Every structure is written in structure tokens, then in C-alpha cells.
Amino acid sequence: MERFKEPTPGELEALRAVARLGTIREAAAELCVSPHTVDSRLDSLRGKTGCRYLPQLFWWAAASGLLLSPVEGAPTPAKSLP
């Protein structure tokens, strides 16, 4: 059995931008890359996860906790506990 390959930072950045902005074109403009680059990064994630469609990819990322981007200086859940 082949080991799952972790998403690259670029793949996660593209996925989060599309999830937040709604379209590949808008995500590309925000990331200052071409729409082809965003689509290529999403295709790479599709290959790694087996998710064929974008909504499936969003569901997989949300269920895996990958749609949340870390905020610098924000407390982690373990630090928030009394």
C-alpha cells in the first residue's frame, strides 16, 4: 500500500483561497499566480486524495482540519484550556 503524500504549502494555499473566495480566478488573483497554477495545485491534491470533484476536496480538507490556516500568535487549543 502506498503512503499518503502530504499536501504541499502551495496546494493548501490554493485550496484555502478557492474555499474562501469561491472561484479559481479570484483565488489566482489574490495569490498573484495564474488560474492554471491554482487549478494544477488542486489537481495535484485530487490525485493525492482520490477526490474527483472540488466539493469532495473541500469536504476532505474540512474533515481533516486543513481548511483552517494557522494564525501567527493565535493560541492553540491546548494553550486555551485552563
PDB file of N, CA and C in Angstrom:
ATOM      1  N   MET A   1       0.843  -1.188   0.000  1.00  0.00           N
ATOM      2  CA  MET A   1       0.000   0.000   0.000  1.00  0.00           C
ATOM      3  C   MET A   1       0.883   1.245   0.000  1.00  0.00           C
ATOM      4  N   GLU A   2       0.513   2.193  -0.858  1.00  0.00           N
ATOM      5  CA  GLU A   2       1.294   3.415  -0.974  1.00  0.00           C
ATOM      6  C   GLU A   2       0.950   4.390   0.143  1.00  0.00           C
ATOM      7  N   ARG A   3       1.965   5.036   0.671  1.00  0.00           N
ATOM      8  CA  ARG A   3       1.783   6.006   1.754  1.00  0.00           C
ATOM      9  C   ARG A   3       1.178   7.295   1.198  1.00  0.00           C
ATOM     10  N   PHE A   4       0.270   7.892   1.974  1.00  0.00           N
ATOM     11  CA  PHE A   4      -0.369   9.152   1.584  1.00  0.00           C
ATOM     12  C   PHE A   4       0.673  10.264   1.563  1.00  0.00           C
ATOM     13  N   LYS A   5       0.691  11.024   0.509  1.00  0.00           N
ATOM     14  CA  LYS A   5       1.605  12.161   0.412  1.00  0.00           C
ATOM     15  C   LYS A   5       0.922  13.395   0.984  1.00  0.00           C
ATOM     16  N   GLU A   6       1.615  14.073   1.858  1.00  0.00           N
ATOM     17  CA  GLU A   6       1.086  15.287   2.493  1.00  0.00           C
ATOM     18  C   GLU A   6       0.913  16.393   1.454  1.00  0.00           C
ATOM     19  N   PRO A   7      -0.119  17.215   1.622  1.00  0.00           N
ATOM     20  CA  PRO A   7      -0.292  18.359   0.724  1.00  0.00           C
ATOM     21  C   PRO A   7       0.858  19.350   0.894  1.00  0.00           C
ATOM     22  N   THR A   8       1.245  19.965  -0.200  1.00  0.00           N
ATOM     23  CA  THR A   8       2.298  20.974  -0.135  1.00  0.00           C
ATOM     24  C   THR A   8       1.692  22.288   0.360  1.00  0.00           C
ATOM     25  N   PRO A   9       2.530  23.193   0.837  1.00  0.00           N
ATOM     26  CA  PRO A   9       2.008  24.505   1.244  1.00  0.00           C
ATOM     27  C   PRO A   9       1.275  25.215   0.103  1.00  0.00           C
ATOM     28  N   GLY A  10       1.768  25.097  -1.114  1.00  0.00           N
ATOM     29  CA  GLY A  10       1.109  25.726  -2.260  1.00  0.00           C
ATOM     30  C   GLY A  10      -0.256  25.131  -2.544  1.00  0.00           C
ATOM     31  N   GLU A  11      -0.372  23.822  -2.407  1.00  0.00           N
ATOM     32  CA  GLU A  11      -1.665  23.162  -2.608  1.00  0.00           C
ATOM     33  C   GLU A  11      -2.674  23.622  -1.565  1.00  0.00           C
ATOM     34  N   LEU A  12      -2.242  23.682  -0.326  1.00  0.00           N
ATOM     35  CA  LEU A  12      -3.143  24.134   0.740  1.00  0.00           C
ATOM     36  C   LEU A  12      -3.519  25.603   0.565  1.00  0.00           C
ATOM     37  N   GLU A  13      -2.567  26.410   0.165  1.00  0.00           N
ATOM     38  CA  GLU A  13      -2.825  27.832  -0.059  1.00  0.00           C
ATOM     39  C   GLU A  13      -3.879  28.011  -1.160  1.00  0.00           C
ATOM     40  N   ALA A  14      -3.749  27.256  -2.242  1.00  0.00           N
ATOM     41  CA  ALA A  14      -4.712  27.333  -3.340  1.00  0.00           C
ATOM     42  C   ALA A  14      -6.087  26.851  -2.895  1.00  0.00           C
ATOM     43  N   LEU A  15      -6.126  25.748  -2.183  1.00  0.00           N
ATOM     44  CA  LEU A  15      -7.400  25.200  -1.715  1.00  0.00           C
ATOM     45  C   LEU A  15      -8.108  26.174  -0.778  1.00  0.00           C
ATOM     46  N   ARG A  16      -7.376  26.729   0.164  1.00  0.00           N
ATOM     47  CA  ARG A  16      -7.970  27.680   1.114  1.00  0.00           C
ATOM     48  C   ARG A  16      -8.465  28.937   0.409  1.00  0.00           C
ATOM     49  N   ALA A  17      -7.713  29.411  -0.585  1.00  0.00           N
ATOM     50  CA  ALA A  17      -8.115  30.619  -1.309  1.00  0.00           C
ATOM     51  C   ALA A  17      -9.394  30.374  -2.111  1.00  0.00           C
ATOM     52  N   VAL A  18      -9.487  29.231  -2.770  1.00  0.00           N
ATOM     53  CA  VAL A  18     -10.702  28.926  -3.536  1.00  0.00           C
ATOM     54  C   VAL A  18     -11.883  28.745  -2.584  1.00  0.00           C
ATOM     55  N   ALA A  19     -11.657  28.099  -1.460  1.00  0.00           N
ATOM     56  CA  ALA A  19     -12.732  27.895  -0.483  1.00  0.00           C
ATOM     57  C   ALA A  19     -13.223  29.249   0.051  1.00  0.00           C
ATOM     58  N   ARG A  20     -12.306  30.169   0.264  1.00  0.00           N
ATOM     59  CA  ARG A  20     -12.656  31.471   0.826  1.00  0.00           C
ATOM     60  C   ARG A  20     -13.281  32.406  -0.213  1.00  0.00           C
ATOM     61  N   LEU A  21     -12.760  32.389  -1.437  1.00  0.00           N
ATOM     62  CA  LEU A  21     -13.168  33.365  -2.452  1.00  0.00           C
ATOM     63  C   LEU A  21     -14.204  32.830  -3.440  1.00  0.00           C
ATOM     64  N   GLY A  22     -14.294  31.530  -3.591  1.00  0.00           N
ATOM     65  CA  GLY A  22     -15.350  30.947  -4.410  1.00  0.00           C
ATOM     66  C   GLY A  22     -14.992  30.542  -5.820  1.00  0.00           C
ATOM     67  N   THR A  23     -13.965  31.150  -6.404  1.00  0.00           N
ATOM     68  CA  THR A  23     -13.593  30.766  -7.765  1.00  0.00           C
ATOM     69  C   THR A  23     -12.080  30.644  -7.891  1.00  0.00           C
ATOM     70  N   ILE A  24     -11.676  29.845  -8.863  1.00  0.00           N
ATOM     71  CA  ILE A  24     -10.247  29.679  -9.143  1.00  0.00           C
ATOM     72  C   ILE A  24      -9.658  30.999  -9.622  1.00  0.00           C
ATOM     73  N   ARG A  25     -10.398  31.727 -10.433  1.00  0.00           N
ATOM     74  CA  ARG A  25      -9.906  33.006 -10.965  1.00  0.00           C
ATOM     75  C   ARG A  25      -9.645  34.015  -9.843  1.00  0.00           C
ATOM     76  N   GLU A  26     -10.581  34.134  -8.905  1.00  0.00           N
ATOM     77  CA  GLU A  26     -10.399  35.067  -7.795  1.00  0.00           C
ATOM     78  C   GLU A  26      -9.253  34.623  -6.885  1.00  0.00           C
ATOM     79  N   ALA A  27      -9.143  33.322  -6.674  1.00  0.00           N
ATOM     80  CA  ALA A  27      -8.043  32.802  -5.851  1.00  0.00           C
ATOM     81  C   ALA A  27      -6.702  33.101  -6.512  1.00  0.00           C
ATOM     82  N   ALA A  28      -6.638  32.915  -7.821  1.00  0.00           N
ATOM     83  CA  ALA A  28      -5.400  33.184  -8.552  1.00  0.00           C
ATOM     84  C   ALA A  28      -5.009  34.656  -8.437  1.00  0.00           C
ATOM     85  N   ALA A  29      -5.990  35.541  -8.566  1.00  0.00           N
ATOM     86  CA  ALA A  29      -5.692  36.976  -8.459  1.00  0.00           C
ATOM     87  C   ALA A  29      -5.148  37.315  -7.075  1.00  0.00           C
ATOM     88  N   GLU A  30      -5.744  36.746  -6.036  1.00  0.00           N
ATOM     89  CA  GLU A  30      -5.268  37.033  -4.674  1.00  0.00           C
ATOM     90  C   GLU A  30      -3.870  36.478  -4.439  1.00  0.00           C
ATOM     91  N   LEU A  31      -3.590  35.304  -5.007  1.00  0.00           N
ATOM     92  CA  LEU A  31      -2.297  34.661  -4.793  1.00  0.00           C
ATOM     93  C   LEU A  31      -1.226  35.143  -5.774  1.00  0.00           C
ATOM     94  N   CYS A  32      -1.616  35.986  -6.722  1.00  0.00           N
ATOM     95  CA  CYS A  32      -0.694  36.510  -7.746  1.00  0.00           C
ATOM     96  C   CYS A  32      -0.064  35.388  -8.573  1.00  0.00           C
ATOM     97  N   VAL A  33      -0.901  34.429  -8.950  1.00  0.00           N
ATOM     98  CA  VAL A  33      -0.490  33.346  -9.839  1.00  0.00           C
ATOM     99  C   VAL A  33      -1.562  33.208 -10.910  1.00  0.00           C
ATOM    100  N   SER A  34      -1.314  32.386 -11.902  1.00  0.00           N
ATOM    101  CA  SER A  34      -2.310  32.199 -12.954  1.00  0.00           C
ATOM    102  C   SER A  34      -3.398  31.235 -12.486  1.00  0.00           C
ATOM    103  N   PRO A  35      -4.589  31.338 -13.078  1.00  0.00           N
ATOM    104  CA  PRO A  35      -5.631  30.360 -12.762  1.00  0.00           C
ATOM    105  C   PRO A  35      -5.177  28.930 -13.055  1.00  0.00           C
ATOM    106  N   HIS A  36      -4.346  28.773 -14.081  1.00  0.00           N
ATOM    107  CA  HIS A  36      -3.816  27.443 -14.405  1.00  0.00           C
ATOM    108  C   HIS A  36      -3.001  26.881 -13.236  1.00  0.00           C
ATOM    109  N   THR A  37      -2.235  27.722 -12.574  1.00  0.00           N
ATOM    110  CA  THR A  37      -1.429  27.280 -11.432  1.00  0.00           C
ATOM    111  C   THR A  37      -2.323  26.819 -10.291  1.00  0.00           C
ATOM    112  N   VAL A  38      -3.365  27.573  -9.991  1.00  0.00           N
ATOM    113  CA  VAL A  38      -4.294  27.184  -8.929  1.00  0.00           C
ATOM    114  C   VAL A  38      -4.951  25.855  -9.293  1.00  0.00           C
ATOM    115  N   ASP A  39      -5.415  25.741 -10.532  1.00  0.00           N
ATOM    116  CA  ASP A  39      -6.071  24.511 -10.971  1.00  0.00           C
ATOM    117  C   ASP A  39      -5.110  23.328 -10.921  1.00  0.00           C
ATOM    118  N   SER A  40      -3.868  23.560 -11.286  1.00  0.00           N
ATOM    119  CA  SER A  40      -2.855  22.496 -11.244  1.00  0.00           C
ATOM    120  C   SER A  40      -2.616  22.022  -9.813  1.00  0.00           C
ATOM    121  N   ARG A  41      -2.567  22.961  -8.878  1.00  0.00           N
ATOM    122  CA  ARG A  41      -2.368  22.596  -7.465  1.00  0.00           C
ATOM    123  C   ARG A  41      -3.566  21.811  -6.937  1.00  0.00           C
ATOM    124  N   LEU A  42      -4.770  22.203  -7.343  1.00  0.00           N
ATOM    125  CA  LEU A  42      -5.965  21.468  -6.927  1.00  0.00           C
ATOM    126  C   LEU A  42      -5.979  20.076  -7.560  1.00  0.00           C
ATOM    127  N   ASP A  43      -5.558  19.970  -8.823  1.00  0.00           N
ATOM    128  CA  ASP A  43      -5.480  18.661  -9.476  1.00  0.00           C
ATOM    129  C   ASP A  43      -4.504  17.746  -8.757  1.00  0.00           C
ATOM    130  N   SER A  44      -3.400  18.310  -8.308  1.00  0.00           N
ATOM    131  CA  SER A  44      -2.427  17.525  -7.566  1.00  0.00           C
ATOM    132  C   SER A  44      -3.040  16.991  -6.268  1.00  0.00           C
ATOM    133  N   LEU A  45      -3.804  17.836  -5.583  1.00  0.00           N
ATOM    134  CA  LEU A  45      -4.492  17.402  -4.362  1.00  0.00           C
ATOM    135  C   LEU A  45      -5.532  16.335  -4.668  1.00  0.00           C
ATOM    136  N   ARG A  46      -6.235  16.494  -5.790  1.00  0.00           N
ATOM    137  CA  ARG A  46      -7.215  15.476  -6.182  1.00  0.00           C
ATOM    138  C   ARG A  46      -6.528  14.125  -6.359  1.00  0.00           C
ATOM    139  N   GLY A  47      -5.364  14.140  -6.976  1.00  0.00           N
ATOM    140  CA  GLY A  47      -4.619  12.900  -7.179  1.00  0.00           C
ATOM    141  C   GLY A  47      -4.162  12.274  -5.870  1.00  0.00           C
ATOM    142  N   LYS A  48      -3.764  13.098  -4.932  1.00  0.00           N
ATOM    143  CA  LYS A  48      -3.294  12.586  -3.640  1.00  0.00           C
ATOM    144  C   LYS A  48      -4.426  12.028  -2.785  1.00  0.00           C
ATOM    145  N   THR A  49      -5.619  12.629  -2.921  1.00  0.00           N
ATOM    146  CA  THR A  49      -6.725  12.267  -2.039  1.00  0.00           C
ATOM    147  C   THR A  49      -7.729  11.316  -2.667  1.00  0.00           C
ATOM    148  N   GLY A  50      -7.748  11.257  -3.988  1.00  0.00           N
ATOM    149  CA  GLY A  50      -8.762  10.451  -4.663  1.00  0.00           C
ATOM    150  C   GLY A  50     -10.087  11.180  -4.807  1.00  0.00           C
ATOM    151  N   CYS A  51     -10.130  12.450  -4.420  1.00  0.00           N
ATOM    152  CA  CYS A  51     -11.345  13.259  -4.562  1.00  0.00           C
ATOM    153  C   CYS A  51     -11.428  13.751  -6.005  1.00  0.00           C
ATOM    154  N   ARG A  52     -12.487  13.393  -6.682  1.00  0.00           N
ATOM    155  CA  ARG A  52     -12.610  13.751  -8.086  1.00  0.00           C
ATOM    156  C   ARG A  52     -13.135  15.175  -8.281  1.00  0.00           C
ATOM    157  N   TYR A  53     -14.048  15.589  -7.434  1.00  0.00           N
ATOM    158  CA  TYR A  53     -14.714  16.878  -7.590  1.00  0.00           C
ATOM    159  C   TYR A  53     -14.293  17.847  -6.488  1.00  0.00           C
ATOM    160  N   LEU A  54     -14.352  19.135  -6.810  1.00  0.00           N
ATOM    161  CA  LEU A  54     -13.941  20.173  -5.862  1.00  0.00           C
ATOM    162  C   LEU A  54     -14.721  20.124  -4.550  1.00  0.00           C
ATOM    163  N   PRO A  55     -16.051  19.952  -4.560  1.00  0.00           N
ATOM    164  CA  PRO A  55     -16.758  19.855  -3.273  1.00  0.00           C
ATOM    165  C   PRO A  55     -16.273  18.683  -2.412  1.00  0.00           C
ATOM    166  N   GLN A  56     -15.913  17.580  -3.052  1.00  0.00           N
ATOM    167  CA  GLN A  56     -15.353  16.452  -2.304  1.00  0.00           C
ATOM    168  C   GLN A  56     -14.017  16.839  -1.678  1.00  0.00           C
ATOM    169  N   LEU A  57     -13.231  17.583  -2.413  1.00  0.00           N
ATOM    170  CA  LEU A  57     -11.934  18.028  -1.914  1.00  0.00           C
ATOM    171  C   LEU A  57     -12.101  18.975  -0.737  1.00  0.00           C
ATOM    172  N   PHE A  58     -13.084  19.885  -0.821  1.00  0.00           N
ATOM    173  CA  PHE A  58     -13.365  20.779   0.307  1.00  0.00           C
ATOM    174  C   PHE A  58     -13.808  19.981   1.527  1.00  0.00           C
ATOM    175  N   TRP A  59     -14.673  18.995   1.312  1.00  0.00           N
ATOM    176  CA  TRP A  59     -15.149  18.171   2.429  1.00  0.00           C
ATOM    177  C   TRP A  59     -13.978  17.443   3.076  1.00  0.00           C
ATOM    178  N   TRP A  60     -13.106  16.841   2.255  1.00  0.00           N
ATOM    179  CA  TRP A  60     -11.940  16.109   2.778  1.00  0.00           C
ATOM    180  C   TRP A  60     -11.051  17.051   3.600  1.00  0.00           C
ATOM    181  N   ALA A  61     -10.798  18.244   3.061  1.00  0.00           N
ATOM    182  CA  ALA A  61      -9.916  19.201   3.752  1.00  0.00           C
ATOM    183  C   ALA A  61     -10.541  19.675   5.059  1.00  0.00           C
ATOM    184  N   ALA A  62     -11.845  19.940   5.039  1.00  0.00           N
ATOM    185  CA  ALA A  62     -12.524  20.385   6.260  1.00  0.00           C
ATOM    186  C   ALA A  62     -12.515  19.281   7.308  1.00  0.00           C
ATOM    187  N   ALA A  63     -12.793  18.068   6.887  1.00  0.00           N
ATOM    188  CA  ALA A  63     -12.808  16.944   7.820  1.00  0.00           C
ATOM    189  C   ALA A  63     -11.414  16.665   8.383  1.00  0.00           C
ATOM    190  N   SER A  64     -10.393  16.998   7.618  1.00  0.00           N
ATOM    191  CA  SER A  64      -9.010  16.792   8.054  1.00  0.00           C
ATOM    192  C   SER A  64      -8.461  17.977   8.827  1.00  0.00           C
ATOM    193  N   GLY A  65      -9.249  19.053   8.948  1.00  0.00           N
ATOM    194  CA  GLY A  65      -8.791  20.245   9.649  1.00  0.00           C
ATOM    195  C   GLY A  65      -7.809  21.081   8.854  1.00  0.00           C
ATOM    196  N   LEU A  66      -7.786  20.902   7.538  1.00  0.00           N
ATOM    197  CA  LEU A  66      -6.805  21.595   6.707  1.00  0.00           C
ATOM    198  C   LEU A  66      -7.294  22.915   6.123  1.00  0.00           C
ATOM    199  N   LEU A  67      -8.567  23.216   6.248  1.00  0.00           N
ATOM    200  CA  LEU A  67      -9.053  24.488   5.721  1.00  0.00           C
ATOM    201  C   LEU A  67      -8.737  25.649   6.646  1.00  0.00           C
ATOM    202  N   LEU A  68      -8.460  25.345   7.879  1.00  0.00           N
ATOM    203  CA  LEU A  68      -8.102  26.391   8.829  1.00  0.00           C
ATOM    204  C   LEU A  68      -6.630  26.716   8.668  1.00  0.00           C
ATOM    205  N   SER A  69      -6.332  27.958   8.323  1.00  0.00           N
ATOM    206  CA  SER A  69      -4.929  28.335   8.201  1.00  0.00           C
ATOM    207  C   SER A  69      -4.456  28.843   9.553  1.00  0.00           C
ATOM    208  N   PRO A  70      -3.268  28.457   9.962  1.00  0.00           N
ATOM    209  CA  PRO A  70      -2.765  28.911  11.255  1.00  0.00           C
ATOM    210  C   PRO A  70      -2.571  30.423  11.259  1.00  0.00           C
ATOM    211  N   VAL A  71      -2.951  31.037  12.351  1.00  0.00           N
ATOM    212  CA  VAL A  71      -2.777  32.474  12.520  1.00  0.00           C
ATOM    213  C   VAL A  71      -1.610  32.678  13.477  1.00  0.00           C
ATOM    214  N   GLU A  72      -0.656  33.465  13.041  1.00  0.00           N
ATOM    215  CA  GLU A  72       0.538  33.688  13.857  1.00  0.00           C
ATOM    216  C   GLU A  72       0.162  34.326  15.189  1.00  0.00           C
ATOM    217  N   GLY A  73       0.619  33.726  16.264  1.00  0.00           N
ATOM    218  CA  GLY A  73       0.376  34.275  17.583  1.00  0.00           C
ATOM    219  C   GLY A  73      -0.944  33.839  18.212  1.00  0.00           C
ATOM    220  N   ALA A  74      -1.790  33.151  17.433  1.00  0.00           N
ATOM    221  CA  ALA A  74      -3.063  32.692  17.991  1.00  0.00           C
ATOM    222  C   ALA A  74      -2.821  31.505  18.898  1.00  0.00           C
ATOM    223  N   PRO A  75      -3.552  31.411  19.997  1.00  0.00           N
ATOM    224  CA  PRO A  75      -3.361  30.279  20.893  1.00  0.00           C
ATOM    225  C   PRO A  75      -3.830  28.994  20.258  1.00  0.00           C
ATOM    226  N   THR A  76      -3.136  27.928  20.523  1.00  0.00           N
ATOM    227  CA  THR A  76      -3.569  26.618  20.045  1.00  0.00           C
ATOM    228  C   THR A  76      -4.610  26.103  21.033  1.00  0.00           C
ATOM    229  N   PRO A  77      -5.432  25.137  20.652  1.00  0.00           N
ATOM    230  CA  PRO A  77      -6.455  24.640  21.581  1.00  0.00           C
ATOM    231  C   PRO A  77      -5.873  24.187  22.914  1.00  0.00           C
ATOM    232  N   ALA A  78      -4.711  23.576  22.915  1.00  0.00           N
ATOM    233  CA  ALA A  78      -4.106  23.119  24.159  1.00  0.00           C
ATOM    234  C   ALA A  78      -3.740  24.292  25.066  1.00  0.00           C
ATOM    235  N   LYS A  79      -3.313  25.413  24.486  1.00  0.00           N
ATOM    236  CA  LYS A  79      -2.954  26.594  25.274  1.00  0.00           C
ATOM    237  C   LYS A  79      -4.193  27.323  25.798  1.00  0.00           C
ATOM    238  N   SER A  80      -5.331  27.122  25.140  1.00  0.00           N
ATOM    239  CA  SER A  80      -6.550  27.827  25.531  1.00  0.00           C
ATOM    240  C   SER A  80      -7.198  27.230  26.744  1.00  0.00           C
ATOM    241  N   LEU A  81      -6.895  25.960  27.037  1.00  0.00           N
ATOM    242  CA  LEU A  81      -7.519  25.299  28.156  1.00  0.00           C
ATOM    243  C   LEU A  81      -7.001  25.856  29.480  1.00  0.00           C
ATOM    244  N   PRO A  82      -7.871  25.977  30.492  1.00  0.00           N
ATOM    245  CA  PRO A  82      -7.421  26.499  31.792  1.00  0.00           C
ATOM    246  C   PRO A  82      -6.462  25.553  32.483  1.00  0.00           C
TER     247      PRO A  82
END
